[in-house]
Amino acid sequence: MNSYLTTSAASEQVVRSFMGRTYSWMTAGLALTAIIAFLTSNNPAALDFAYRNTLLLIIVQFGVVMFLSFAIQRVNSLVAGVLFMVYAAVTGMTFSLILQRYTGSDVTAAFASSALTFGGMSAFGYFTKRNLSAWGNFLLYALIGLIVAMIVNAFVASGPLSLVISLVGVVLFAALTAYDTNRLKAMALLGLQGEVAEKRAIYGALQLYLDFINMFLFLLQLFGGSSRR
């Protein structure tokens, strides 16, 4: 009995340590994104650079995510950490362009709503006794459907469809937050330690960062659209 309790306590400590590192990396990434977005927005030369190189910035973002997705096993934690922060910084530059279209109150409301929703769903994913892995396929298909709808709406520019896309996007990334948190906790229970744990924490931070950022963007569209009506 004592042996079981000791093992259980050790497992909980490993999980808390791993998730703590994951949330720390995610928070650092979000802070860097916010700082770069603010500095770029208030620097005409930097803002002009972002406008003129939007496609390049998007390619860099996509490239970093793809590289970390396929090469996380082969790179060390230092490289993974640097690439994650590069991604966060470049995202800040692209955000500076997006935020030009919204008021400060829209941004504040969207961020506060994102933070509360993310916190609640991540807590659910962490503390639930259920294994949420069954959500995986459904969420993947839903994400593909959302992307297809966004592409279609780029051509038809339908207001009602935009509203539906934004609402579905918020719900989808809220669910992905719970799913990813639950999956990361299960991964930590395998006993990840050392270099492997740090790399996985960085990659997990990237996944949660993407959940938060996308939820924020869809909420921003909802708040921004509401204020313009």
Protein backbone atom coordinates (compact mmCIF):
# COMPACT_ATOMS: atom_id res chain seq x y z
CA MET A 1 0.00 0.00 0.00
CA ASN A 2 2.76 2.43 0.97
CA SER A 3 4.63 1.51 -2.21
CA TYR A 4 1.53 2.32 -4.30
CA LEU A 5 1.07 5.68 -2.59
CA THR A 6 4.72 6.53 -3.10
CA THR A 7 4.53 5.62 -6.80
CA SER A 8 1.30 7.59 -7.21
CA ALA A 9 2.78 10.66 -5.53
CA ALA A 10 5.88 10.41 -7.71
CA SER A 11 3.72 10.20 -10.85
CA GLU A 12 1.72 13.25 -9.79
CA GLN A 13 4.96 15.16 -9.21
CA VAL A 14 6.20 14.24 -12.70
CA VAL A 15 2.90 15.37 -14.24
CA ARG A 16 2.87 18.66 -12.33
CA SER A 17 6.47 19.35 -13.30
CA PHE A 18 5.84 18.56 -16.97
CA MET A 19 2.63 20.58 -17.21
CA GLY A 20 4.26 23.43 -15.31
CA ARG A 21 7.05 23.58 -17.89
CA THR A 22 4.48 23.38 -20.70
CA TYR A 23 2.40 26.27 -19.36
CA SER A 24 5.56 28.29 -18.65
CA TRP A 25 6.72 27.96 -22.26
CA MET A 26 3.24 28.78 -23.54
CA THR A 27 2.99 31.88 -21.33
CA ALA A 28 6.43 33.05 -22.46
CA GLY A 29 5.37 32.61 -26.08
CA LEU A 30 2.15 34.57 -25.60
CA ALA A 31 4.00 37.35 -23.77
CA LEU A 32 6.56 37.63 -26.57
CA THR A 33 3.78 37.70 -29.19
CA ALA A 34 2.00 40.51 -27.34
CA ILE A 35 5.22 42.53 -26.91
CA ILE A 36 6.24 42.19 -30.56
CA ALA A 37 2.70 43.04 -31.74
CA PHE A 38 2.67 46.17 -29.57
CA LEU A 39 6.14 47.30 -30.64
CA THR A 40 5.44 46.67 -34.31
CA SER A 41 2.10 48.49 -34.18
CA ASN A 42 3.81 51.56 -32.72
CA ASN A 43 6.77 51.58 -35.10
CA PRO A 44 5.90 52.78 -38.64
CA ALA A 45 9.03 51.20 -40.16
CA ALA A 46 8.36 47.82 -38.52
CA LEU A 47 4.68 47.98 -39.47
CA ASP A 48 5.61 48.75 -43.07
CA PHE A 49 8.02 45.80 -43.08
CA ALA A 50 5.26 43.52 -41.82
CA TYR A 51 2.87 44.75 -44.52
CA ARG A 52 5.41 44.28 -47.30
CA ASN A 53 6.49 40.82 -46.09
CA THR A 54 3.20 39.33 -44.90
CA LEU A 55 3.49 36.27 -47.13
CA LEU A 56 7.07 35.64 -45.98
CA LEU A 57 6.03 35.89 -42.33
CA ILE A 58 3.18 33.41 -42.88
CA ILE A 59 5.56 31.00 -44.64
CA VAL A 60 8.00 31.24 -41.72
CA GLN A 61 5.18 30.50 -39.25
CA PHE A 62 3.99 27.51 -41.23
CA GLY A 63 7.54 26.25 -41.73
CA VAL A 64 8.41 26.39 -38.02
CA VAL A 65 5.24 24.50 -37.03
CA MET A 66 5.82 21.83 -39.67
CA PHE A 67 9.50 21.47 -38.73
CA LEU A 68 8.76 21.06 -35.03
CA SER A 69 5.93 18.63 -35.79
CA PHE A 70 8.16 16.30 -37.78
CA ALA A 71 11.59 16.89 -36.23
CA ILE A 72 10.88 17.28 -32.50
CA GLN A 73 12.43 13.86 -31.86
CA ARG A 74 15.67 14.78 -33.64
CA VAL A 75 16.41 18.31 -32.40
CA ASN A 76 17.52 19.19 -28.89
CA SER A 77 15.46 21.25 -26.46
CA LEU A 78 17.54 24.40 -27.07
CA VAL A 79 16.75 24.37 -30.80
CA ALA A 80 13.10 23.55 -30.12
CA GLY A 81 12.84 26.40 -27.61
CA VAL A 82 14.48 28.93 -29.94
CA LEU A 83 12.21 27.92 -32.83
CA PHE A 84 9.13 28.22 -30.64
CA MET A 85 10.12 31.73 -29.59
CA VAL A 86 10.89 32.65 -33.21
CA TYR A 87 7.39 31.47 -34.10
CA ALA A 88 5.89 33.53 -31.27
CA ALA A 89 7.82 36.63 -32.37
CA VAL A 90 6.83 36.28 -36.04
CA THR A 91 3.21 35.73 -34.97
CA GLY A 92 3.44 39.00 -33.07
CA MET A 93 4.42 40.78 -36.29
CA THR A 94 1.48 39.31 -38.21
CA PHE A 95 -0.83 40.12 -35.30
CA SER A 96 0.19 43.77 -35.53
CA LEU A 97 -1.47 43.84 -38.95
CA ILE A 98 -4.63 42.05 -37.81
CA LEU A 99 -5.07 44.27 -34.76
CA GLN A 100 -5.11 47.41 -36.93
CA ARG A 101 -8.68 46.50 -37.88
CA TYR A 102 -10.01 46.33 -34.32
CA THR A 103 -10.49 48.69 -31.41
CA GLY A 104 -8.68 48.35 -28.11
CA SER A 105 -11.90 47.34 -26.38
CA ASP A 106 -12.49 44.56 -28.95
CA VAL A 107 -8.97 43.21 -28.38
CA THR A 108 -9.31 43.40 -24.59
CA ALA A 109 -12.70 41.66 -24.59
CA ALA A 110 -11.48 38.93 -26.95
CA PHE A 111 -8.32 38.33 -24.91
CA ALA A 112 -10.17 38.19 -21.59
CA SER A 113 -12.74 35.80 -23.04
CA SER A 114 -10.00 33.64 -24.55
CA ALA A 115 -8.09 33.50 -21.27
CA LEU A 116 -11.18 32.49 -19.26
CA THR A 117 -12.31 29.91 -21.82
CA PHE A 118 -8.82 28.48 -22.22
CA GLY A 119 -8.32 28.27 -18.46
CA GLY A 120 -11.63 26.52 -17.92
CA MET A 121 -11.22 24.02 -20.74
CA SER A 122 -7.60 23.28 -19.90
CA ALA A 123 -8.59 22.68 -16.27
CA PHE A 124 -11.33 20.32 -17.47
CA GLY A 125 -8.85 18.43 -19.64
CA TYR A 126 -6.41 18.15 -16.75
CA PHE A 127 -8.74 17.16 -13.91
CA THR A 128 -11.28 14.99 -15.71
CA LYS A 129 -10.99 11.27 -15.05
CA ARG A 130 -12.06 10.56 -18.62
CA ASN A 131 -9.66 9.76 -21.43
CA LEU A 132 -10.47 12.29 -24.17
CA SER A 133 -8.48 10.53 -26.89
CA ALA A 134 -11.77 9.48 -28.54
CA TRP A 135 -12.32 13.14 -29.41
CA GLY A 136 -9.28 13.12 -31.71
CA ASN A 137 -10.79 12.01 -35.02
CA PHE A 138 -13.93 14.11 -34.62
CA LEU A 139 -11.88 17.25 -33.85
CA LEU A 140 -9.60 16.59 -36.82
CA TYR A 141 -12.53 16.28 -39.22
CA ALA A 142 -14.16 19.35 -37.68
CA LEU A 143 -10.93 21.32 -38.18
CA ILE A 144 -10.73 20.24 -41.82
CA GLY A 145 -14.36 21.26 -42.32
CA LEU A 146 -13.70 24.63 -40.70
CA ILE A 147 -10.73 25.28 -43.00
CA VAL A 148 -12.80 24.37 -46.07
CA ALA A 149 -15.60 26.71 -44.93
CA MET A 150 -13.08 29.53 -44.42
CA ILE A 151 -11.69 29.02 -47.93
CA VAL A 152 -15.20 29.07 -49.43
CA ASN A 153 -16.10 32.19 -47.46
CA ALA A 154 -12.98 33.93 -48.73
CA PHE A 155 -14.64 33.86 -52.17
CA VAL A 156 -18.31 34.39 -51.29
CA ALA A 157 -17.74 36.84 -48.39
CA SER A 158 -20.96 35.88 -46.62
CA GLY A 159 -21.68 37.71 -43.37
CA PRO A 160 -23.88 34.97 -41.86
CA LEU A 161 -21.33 32.30 -42.85
CA SER A 162 -18.55 34.36 -41.24
CA LEU A 163 -20.55 34.45 -38.01
CA VAL A 164 -21.10 30.68 -38.07
CA ILE A 165 -17.41 30.07 -38.83
CA SER A 166 -16.35 32.25 -35.89
CA LEU A 167 -18.75 30.52 -33.49
CA VAL A 168 -17.69 27.06 -34.62
CA GLY A 169 -14.03 28.11 -34.43
CA VAL A 170 -14.36 29.20 -30.80
CA VAL A 171 -16.10 25.95 -29.81
CA LEU A 172 -13.64 23.82 -31.79
CA PHE A 173 -10.50 25.35 -30.29
CA ALA A 174 -12.01 25.30 -26.81
CA ALA A 175 -12.55 21.55 -27.27
CA LEU A 176 -9.01 21.18 -28.66
CA THR A 177 -7.68 22.90 -25.54
CA ALA A 178 -9.28 20.26 -23.32
CA TYR A 179 -8.19 17.45 -25.66
CA ASP A 180 -4.58 18.61 -25.92
CA THR A 181 -4.29 19.18 -22.17
CA ASN A 182 -5.68 15.72 -21.47
CA ARG A 183 -3.30 14.15 -23.99
CA LEU A 184 -0.29 16.00 -22.57
CA LYS A 185 -1.16 14.83 -19.06
CA ALA A 186 -1.42 11.23 -20.29
CA MET A 187 1.96 11.64 -21.98
CA ALA A 188 3.49 12.94 -18.76
CA LEU A 189 2.19 9.88 -16.88
CA LEU A 190 4.52 7.78 -19.02
CA GLY A 191 7.32 9.17 -16.86
CA LEU A 192 8.94 11.68 -19.22
CA GLN A 193 12.12 13.15 -17.77
CA GLY A 194 15.17 15.17 -18.72
CA GLU A 195 15.77 16.25 -22.32
CA VAL A 196 12.83 14.29 -23.70
CA ALA A 197 10.43 15.87 -21.22
CA GLU A 198 11.69 19.38 -22.02
CA LYS A 199 11.25 18.89 -25.77
CA ARG A 200 7.79 17.47 -25.29
CA ALA A 201 6.89 20.36 -22.97
CA ILE A 202 7.96 22.86 -25.67
CA TYR A 203 5.98 21.07 -28.36
CA GLY A 204 3.00 20.80 -26.01
CA ALA A 205 3.30 24.53 -25.33
CA LEU A 206 3.16 25.18 -29.08
CA GLN A 207 -0.03 23.14 -29.39
CA LEU A 208 -1.73 24.94 -26.49
CA TYR A 209 -0.42 28.28 -27.80
CA LEU A 210 -2.07 27.56 -31.17
CA ASP A 211 -5.33 26.63 -29.43
CA PHE A 212 -5.31 29.91 -27.51
CA ILE A 213 -4.29 32.09 -30.46
CA ASN A 214 -6.90 30.65 -32.79
CA MET A 215 -9.62 30.93 -30.16
CA PHE A 216 -8.59 34.56 -29.63
CA LEU A 217 -8.75 35.31 -33.37
CA PHE A 218 -12.25 33.84 -33.75
CA LEU A 219 -13.48 35.69 -30.65
CA LEU A 220 -11.90 38.88 -32.00
CA GLN A 221 -13.93 38.48 -35.18
CA LEU A 222 -17.09 38.03 -33.10
CA PHE A 223 -16.44 41.07 -30.91
CA GLY A 224 -15.23 43.17 -33.82
CA GLY A 225 -18.20 42.24 -35.99
CA SER A 226 -20.56 42.98 -33.14
CA SER A 227 -19.08 46.44 -32.54
CA ARG A 228 -19.33 47.31 -36.23
CA ARG A 229 -23.00 46.36 -36.54
